[in-house]
Amino acid sequence: MATTVKLKDVGLLLLGTGVLIVALVVAHWYFFQVLPASEESARVNTWCFVEDNRAFVHISTGNKIRDVVIEIGKARCEYNVMYPGTTNVCEANVWGTTVYRVKYEVHGKAVEESDVCRYGSFVKPIPIRG
């Protein structure tokens, strides 16, 4: 019995193979590029405020980070390792608005951030008497 190959069958085979290859490329890109990048960047938060000429830099992390260095004014705080869920505060005497810099290593990659530390105040409730 001789089998005949139809053009329609060959076309469907090529189309299916192409779709499979595209799906594998997209899956590889998502799992090895997108997910690791989102985990690294969004897990370390820093913020700062100045009150009564004292600057307070807060750093909190959701990842394990190493070699953390915080520089503000003439002060420098260093932490060898910060584990997920921890927060540290670095204090310094400053004279007004200043710039702070944070350096750390996450997943073997060095990261450096800087921002302006401004005056802030806490809102205190005022009792209403009637």
Protein backbone atom coordinates (compact mmCIF):
# COMPACT_ATOMS: atom_id res chain seq x y z
CA MET A 1 0.00 0.00 0.00
CA ALA A 2 1.46 3.32 -1.02
CA THR A 3 0.88 6.29 1.20
CA THR A 4 0.49 9.71 -0.27
CA VAL A 5 1.57 12.87 1.47
CA LYS A 6 -0.81 15.71 1.08
CA LEU A 7 0.32 19.32 1.01
CA LYS A 8 -2.23 20.12 3.73
CA ASP A 9 -0.65 17.59 6.13
CA VAL A 10 2.87 18.95 5.55
CA GLY A 11 1.65 22.51 6.12
CA LEU A 12 -0.05 21.57 9.40
CA LEU A 13 3.10 19.77 10.57
CA LEU A 14 5.27 22.80 9.81
CA LEU A 15 2.77 25.16 11.44
CA GLY A 16 2.61 23.04 14.60
CA THR A 17 6.41 22.82 14.79
CA GLY A 18 6.71 26.60 14.42
CA VAL A 19 4.15 27.24 17.16
CA LEU A 20 5.98 24.83 19.48
CA ILE A 21 9.33 26.58 18.88
CA VAL A 22 7.83 30.03 19.52
CA ALA A 23 6.19 28.78 22.74
CA LEU A 24 9.52 27.37 23.98
CA VAL A 25 11.35 30.64 23.23
CA VAL A 26 8.71 32.71 25.05
CA ALA A 27 8.74 30.35 28.07
CA HIS A 28 12.54 30.50 28.25
CA TRP A 29 12.50 34.31 28.06
CA TYR A 30 9.84 34.58 30.79
CA PHE A 31 11.39 32.13 33.27
CA PHE A 32 15.04 33.12 32.79
CA GLN A 33 14.77 36.87 32.09
CA VAL A 34 11.52 38.38 33.40
CA LEU A 35 11.03 36.53 36.70
CA PRO A 36 14.60 36.88 38.03
CA ALA A 37 14.67 40.59 37.16
CA SER A 38 11.39 41.26 38.98
CA GLU A 39 12.58 39.39 42.08
CA GLU A 40 15.82 41.36 42.28
CA SER A 41 14.54 44.87 41.79
CA ALA A 42 11.36 45.10 43.82
CA ARG A 43 12.52 43.59 47.09
CA VAL A 44 14.76 46.29 48.66
CA ASN A 45 13.19 49.56 49.83
CA THR A 46 15.04 52.60 51.15
CA TRP A 47 13.70 55.91 52.39
CA CYS A 48 14.98 58.79 54.47
CA PHE A 49 13.79 61.82 56.40
CA VAL A 50 15.39 64.60 58.45
CA GLU A 51 14.02 65.76 61.78
CA ASP A 52 15.78 68.21 64.13
CA ASN A 53 19.03 68.01 62.15
CA ARG A 54 19.13 64.20 62.44
CA ALA A 55 18.80 62.12 59.29
CA PHE A 56 17.31 58.62 59.44
CA VAL A 57 17.79 56.22 56.52
CA HIS A 58 15.58 53.11 56.63
CA ILE A 59 16.39 50.05 54.54
CA SER A 60 14.15 46.98 54.42
CA THR A 61 14.55 43.88 52.32
CA GLY A 62 12.57 40.91 51.10
CA ASN A 63 15.72 39.19 49.77
CA LYS A 64 18.98 38.20 51.37
CA ILE A 65 21.42 41.03 50.63
CA ARG A 66 25.13 41.31 51.43
CA ASP A 67 27.71 44.03 51.96
CA VAL A 68 25.20 46.78 52.71
CA VAL A 69 26.77 50.24 53.02
CA ILE A 70 24.75 53.38 53.82
CA GLU A 71 26.47 56.77 53.53
CA ILE A 72 24.74 59.92 54.73
CA GLY A 73 26.54 63.11 55.62
CA LYS A 74 29.78 62.05 57.28
CA ALA A 75 28.23 58.91 58.76
CA ARG A 76 28.61 55.42 57.34
CA CYS A 77 26.67 52.32 58.41
CA GLU A 78 27.70 48.84 57.27
CA TYR A 79 25.90 45.51 57.53
CA ASN A 80 27.48 42.26 56.37
CA VAL A 81 24.18 40.44 55.71
CA MET A 82 20.52 41.42 55.88
CA TYR A 83 17.99 38.61 55.78
CA PRO A 84 14.49 38.73 54.24
CA GLY A 85 12.00 40.68 56.34
CA THR A 86 14.59 42.78 58.20
CA THR A 87 14.83 46.56 58.52
CA ASN A 88 17.80 48.63 59.63
CA VAL A 89 18.09 52.35 60.38
CA CYS A 90 21.18 54.50 59.95
CA GLU A 91 21.33 57.86 61.75
CA ALA A 92 23.52 60.90 61.11
CA ASN A 93 23.81 64.53 62.18
CA VAL A 94 23.13 66.77 59.19
CA TRP A 95 22.47 70.45 58.61
CA GLY A 96 19.41 70.51 56.39
CA THR A 97 18.50 68.56 53.29
CA THR A 98 21.21 66.10 52.25
CA VAL A 99 21.89 63.19 49.89
CA TYR A 100 22.24 59.58 50.98
CA ARG A 101 23.72 56.61 49.14
CA VAL A 102 23.02 52.90 49.62
CA LYS A 103 25.15 50.09 48.15
CA TYR A 104 24.43 46.38 48.44
CA GLU A 105 24.82 43.06 46.65
CA VAL A 106 21.82 40.91 45.75
CA HIS A 107 22.08 37.60 43.87
CA GLY A 108 25.76 38.34 43.17
CA LYS A 109 24.95 41.66 41.50
CA ALA A 110 26.10 45.02 42.93
CA VAL A 111 23.40 47.69 43.26
CA GLU A 112 23.88 51.36 44.13
CA GLU A 113 21.08 53.82 44.87
CA SER A 114 21.01 57.44 45.99
CA ASP A 115 18.30 59.94 46.82
CA VAL A 116 17.65 63.20 48.62
CA CYS A 117 16.85 63.17 52.33
CA ARG A 118 14.40 65.97 53.19
CA TYR A 119 12.79 67.37 56.29
CA GLY A 120 9.71 65.49 57.39
CA SER A 121 7.32 65.70 60.26
CA PHE A 122 4.80 63.38 61.75
CA VAL A 123 1.13 64.28 61.82
CA LYS A 124 -0.14 64.57 65.37
CA PRO A 125 -3.89 64.32 66.01
CA ILE A 126 -5.59 67.29 67.62
CA PRO A 127 -8.41 66.47 70.01
CA ILE A 128 -11.71 68.16 69.16
CA ARG A 129 -13.66 69.55 72.05
CA GLY A 130 -17.29 70.13 71.61
